[in-house]
Amino acid sequence: MRCDFCGYEFNEEQEGIKGCTGCPMAGHCGKVKCPRCGYEVVRSSSFFKWLKQRRHK
């Protein structure tokens, strides 16, 4: 995953921080915080991950 704000690339499962910790929707909005700058990035859907993989082949 790449941060839209600072451009840092990180693995969302290992380095990503769940977004909206103080929000009532905590953990259900699909946002992940960048470990470098703290910007909340929207997690891409599995369809877009599949499409991106197909495009690179």
N, C-alpha and C. Protein backbone atom coordinates (compact mmCIF):
# COMPACT_ATOMS: atom_id res chain seq x y z
N MET A 1 0.85 -1.16 0.00
CA MET A 1 0.00 0.00 0.00
C MET A 1 0.90 1.23 0.00
N ARG A 2 0.48 2.26 -0.72
CA ARG A 2 1.23 3.51 -0.79
C ARG A 2 0.40 4.64 -0.17
N CYS A 3 1.06 5.43 0.66
CA CYS A 3 0.41 6.58 1.29
C CYS A 3 0.18 7.65 0.24
N ASP A 4 -1.04 8.17 0.17
CA ASP A 4 -1.37 9.21 -0.80
C ASP A 4 -0.75 10.55 -0.44
N PHE A 5 -0.38 10.73 0.82
CA PHE A 5 0.16 12.02 1.29
C PHE A 5 1.68 12.10 1.15
N CYS A 6 2.39 11.12 1.72
CA CYS A 6 3.86 11.19 1.73
C CYS A 6 4.53 10.25 0.74
N GLY A 7 3.78 9.29 0.15
CA GLY A 7 4.33 8.38 -0.85
C GLY A 7 5.03 7.16 -0.28
N TYR A 8 5.02 7.00 1.03
CA TYR A 8 5.68 5.87 1.67
C TYR A 8 4.93 4.58 1.34
N GLU A 9 5.67 3.54 0.94
CA GLU A 9 5.05 2.25 0.66
C GLU A 9 5.22 1.35 1.87
N PHE A 10 4.12 0.71 2.28
CA PHE A 10 4.15 -0.15 3.45
C PHE A 10 3.19 -1.31 3.28
N ASN A 11 3.43 -2.36 4.05
CA ASN A 11 2.56 -3.52 4.07
C ASN A 11 1.46 -3.24 5.08
N GLU A 12 0.22 -3.17 4.64
CA GLU A 12 -0.88 -2.78 5.53
C GLU A 12 -1.11 -3.76 6.67
N GLU A 13 -0.83 -5.06 6.47
CA GLU A 13 -1.04 -6.04 7.52
C GLU A 13 0.04 -5.96 8.60
N GLN A 14 1.28 -5.67 8.21
CA GLN A 14 2.39 -5.66 9.15
C GLN A 14 2.66 -4.30 9.76
N GLU A 15 2.63 -3.24 8.96
CA GLU A 15 3.00 -1.91 9.43
C GLU A 15 1.83 -0.96 9.63
N GLY A 16 0.73 -1.21 8.94
CA GLY A 16 -0.41 -0.30 8.99
C GLY A 16 -1.07 -0.25 10.35
N ILE A 17 -1.60 0.92 10.69
CA ILE A 17 -2.30 1.13 11.95
C ILE A 17 -3.77 1.35 11.61
N LYS A 18 -4.67 0.66 12.31
CA LYS A 18 -6.09 0.85 12.03
C LYS A 18 -6.47 2.31 12.25
N GLY A 19 -7.22 2.84 11.32
CA GLY A 19 -7.63 4.24 11.39
C GLY A 19 -8.84 4.43 12.29
N CYS A 20 -9.12 5.66 12.62
CA CYS A 20 -10.32 6.05 13.38
C CYS A 20 -10.43 5.36 14.74
N THR A 21 -9.37 5.34 15.52
CA THR A 21 -9.42 4.64 16.80
C THR A 21 -10.43 5.26 17.76
N GLY A 22 -10.70 6.54 17.67
CA GLY A 22 -11.66 7.19 18.56
C GLY A 22 -13.05 7.30 17.97
N CYS A 23 -13.27 6.79 16.83
CA CYS A 23 -14.53 6.92 16.11
C CYS A 23 -15.46 5.74 16.44
N PRO A 24 -16.78 5.95 16.45
CA PRO A 24 -17.70 4.84 16.68
C PRO A 24 -17.64 3.76 15.60
N MET A 25 -17.15 4.12 14.43
CA MET A 25 -17.02 3.15 13.34
C MET A 25 -15.64 2.50 13.37
N ALA A 26 -14.90 2.63 14.44
CA ALA A 26 -13.50 2.19 14.55
C ALA A 26 -13.28 0.79 13.97
N GLY A 27 -12.38 0.73 13.01
CA GLY A 27 -12.03 -0.54 12.39
C GLY A 27 -12.95 -0.99 11.27
N HIS A 28 -14.06 -0.31 11.05
CA HIS A 28 -15.02 -0.74 10.02
C HIS A 28 -15.07 0.19 8.81
N CYS A 29 -14.30 1.25 8.84
CA CYS A 29 -14.36 2.21 7.74
C CYS A 29 -13.42 1.84 6.59
N GLY A 30 -12.47 0.93 6.84
CA GLY A 30 -11.56 0.52 5.79
C GLY A 30 -10.35 1.42 5.62
N LYS A 31 -10.10 2.30 6.59
CA LYS A 31 -8.94 3.18 6.50
C LYS A 31 -7.78 2.61 7.31
N VAL A 32 -6.57 2.86 6.81
CA VAL A 32 -5.35 2.42 7.47
C VAL A 32 -4.44 3.65 7.59
N LYS A 33 -3.85 3.86 8.77
CA LYS A 33 -2.96 4.99 8.97
C LYS A 33 -1.55 4.64 8.50
N CYS A 34 -0.93 5.57 7.81
CA CYS A 34 0.44 5.42 7.37
C CYS A 34 1.36 5.44 8.60
N PRO A 35 2.27 4.46 8.72
CA PRO A 35 3.16 4.43 9.88
C PRO A 35 4.18 5.56 9.87
N ARG A 36 4.38 6.19 8.74
CA ARG A 36 5.37 7.27 8.63
C ARG A 36 4.79 8.63 9.00
N CYS A 37 3.62 8.98 8.43
CA CYS A 37 3.08 10.33 8.65
C CYS A 37 1.74 10.35 9.37
N GLY A 38 1.06 9.21 9.48
CA GLY A 38 -0.22 9.16 10.18
C GLY A 38 -1.43 9.47 9.33
N TYR A 39 -1.24 9.73 8.05
CA TYR A 39 -2.36 10.02 7.15
C TYR A 39 -3.21 8.77 6.97
N GLU A 40 -4.51 8.92 6.98
CA GLU A 40 -5.42 7.78 6.83
C GLU A 40 -5.67 7.50 5.35
N VAL A 41 -5.27 6.32 4.93
CA VAL A 41 -5.38 5.89 3.54
C VAL A 41 -6.54 4.91 3.43
N VAL A 42 -7.36 5.04 2.41
CA VAL A 42 -8.46 4.12 2.20
C VAL A 42 -7.91 2.82 1.63
N ARG A 43 -8.26 1.72 2.26
CA ARG A 43 -7.80 0.39 1.81
C ARG A 43 -8.48 0.06 0.49
N SER A 44 -7.69 -0.44 -0.46
CA SER A 44 -8.26 -0.79 -1.75
C SER A 44 -8.99 -2.13 -1.66
N SER A 45 -10.01 -2.27 -2.46
CA SER A 45 -10.81 -3.49 -2.44
C SER A 45 -10.07 -4.63 -3.13
N SER A 46 -10.51 -5.84 -2.90
CA SER A 46 -9.87 -7.00 -3.51
C SER A 46 -10.04 -6.98 -5.03
N PHE A 47 -11.12 -6.40 -5.53
CA PHE A 47 -11.32 -6.30 -6.97
C PHE A 47 -10.24 -5.43 -7.60
N PHE A 48 -9.92 -4.29 -6.98
CA PHE A 48 -8.90 -3.41 -7.53
C PHE A 48 -7.51 -4.03 -7.42
N LYS A 49 -7.25 -4.81 -6.38
CA LYS A 49 -5.98 -5.52 -6.25
C LYS A 49 -5.85 -6.53 -7.39
N TRP A 50 -6.92 -7.25 -7.67
CA TRP A 50 -6.92 -8.23 -8.75
C TRP A 50 -6.69 -7.54 -10.10
N LEU A 51 -7.40 -6.43 -10.31
CA LEU A 51 -7.29 -5.68 -11.56
C LEU A 51 -5.86 -5.16 -11.74
N LYS A 52 -5.26 -4.67 -10.69
CA LYS A 52 -3.90 -4.16 -10.76
C LYS A 52 -2.91 -5.27 -11.11
N GLN A 53 -3.10 -6.45 -10.56
CA GLN A 53 -2.23 -7.58 -10.86
C GLN A 53 -2.37 -7.99 -12.34
N ARG A 54 -3.59 -7.98 -12.84
CA ARG A 54 -3.83 -8.34 -14.24
C ARG A 54 -3.19 -7.33 -15.20
N ARG A 55 -3.21 -6.07 -14.82
CA ARG A 55 -2.67 -5.01 -15.66
C ARG A 55 -1.15 -5.14 -15.82
N HIS A 56 -0.49 -5.62 -14.77
CA HIS A 56 0.97 -5.73 -14.80
C HIS A 56 1.46 -6.96 -15.55
N LYS A 57 0.57 -7.87 -15.88
CA LYS A 57 1.00 -9.09 -16.58
C LYS A 57 1.11 -8.90 -18.06
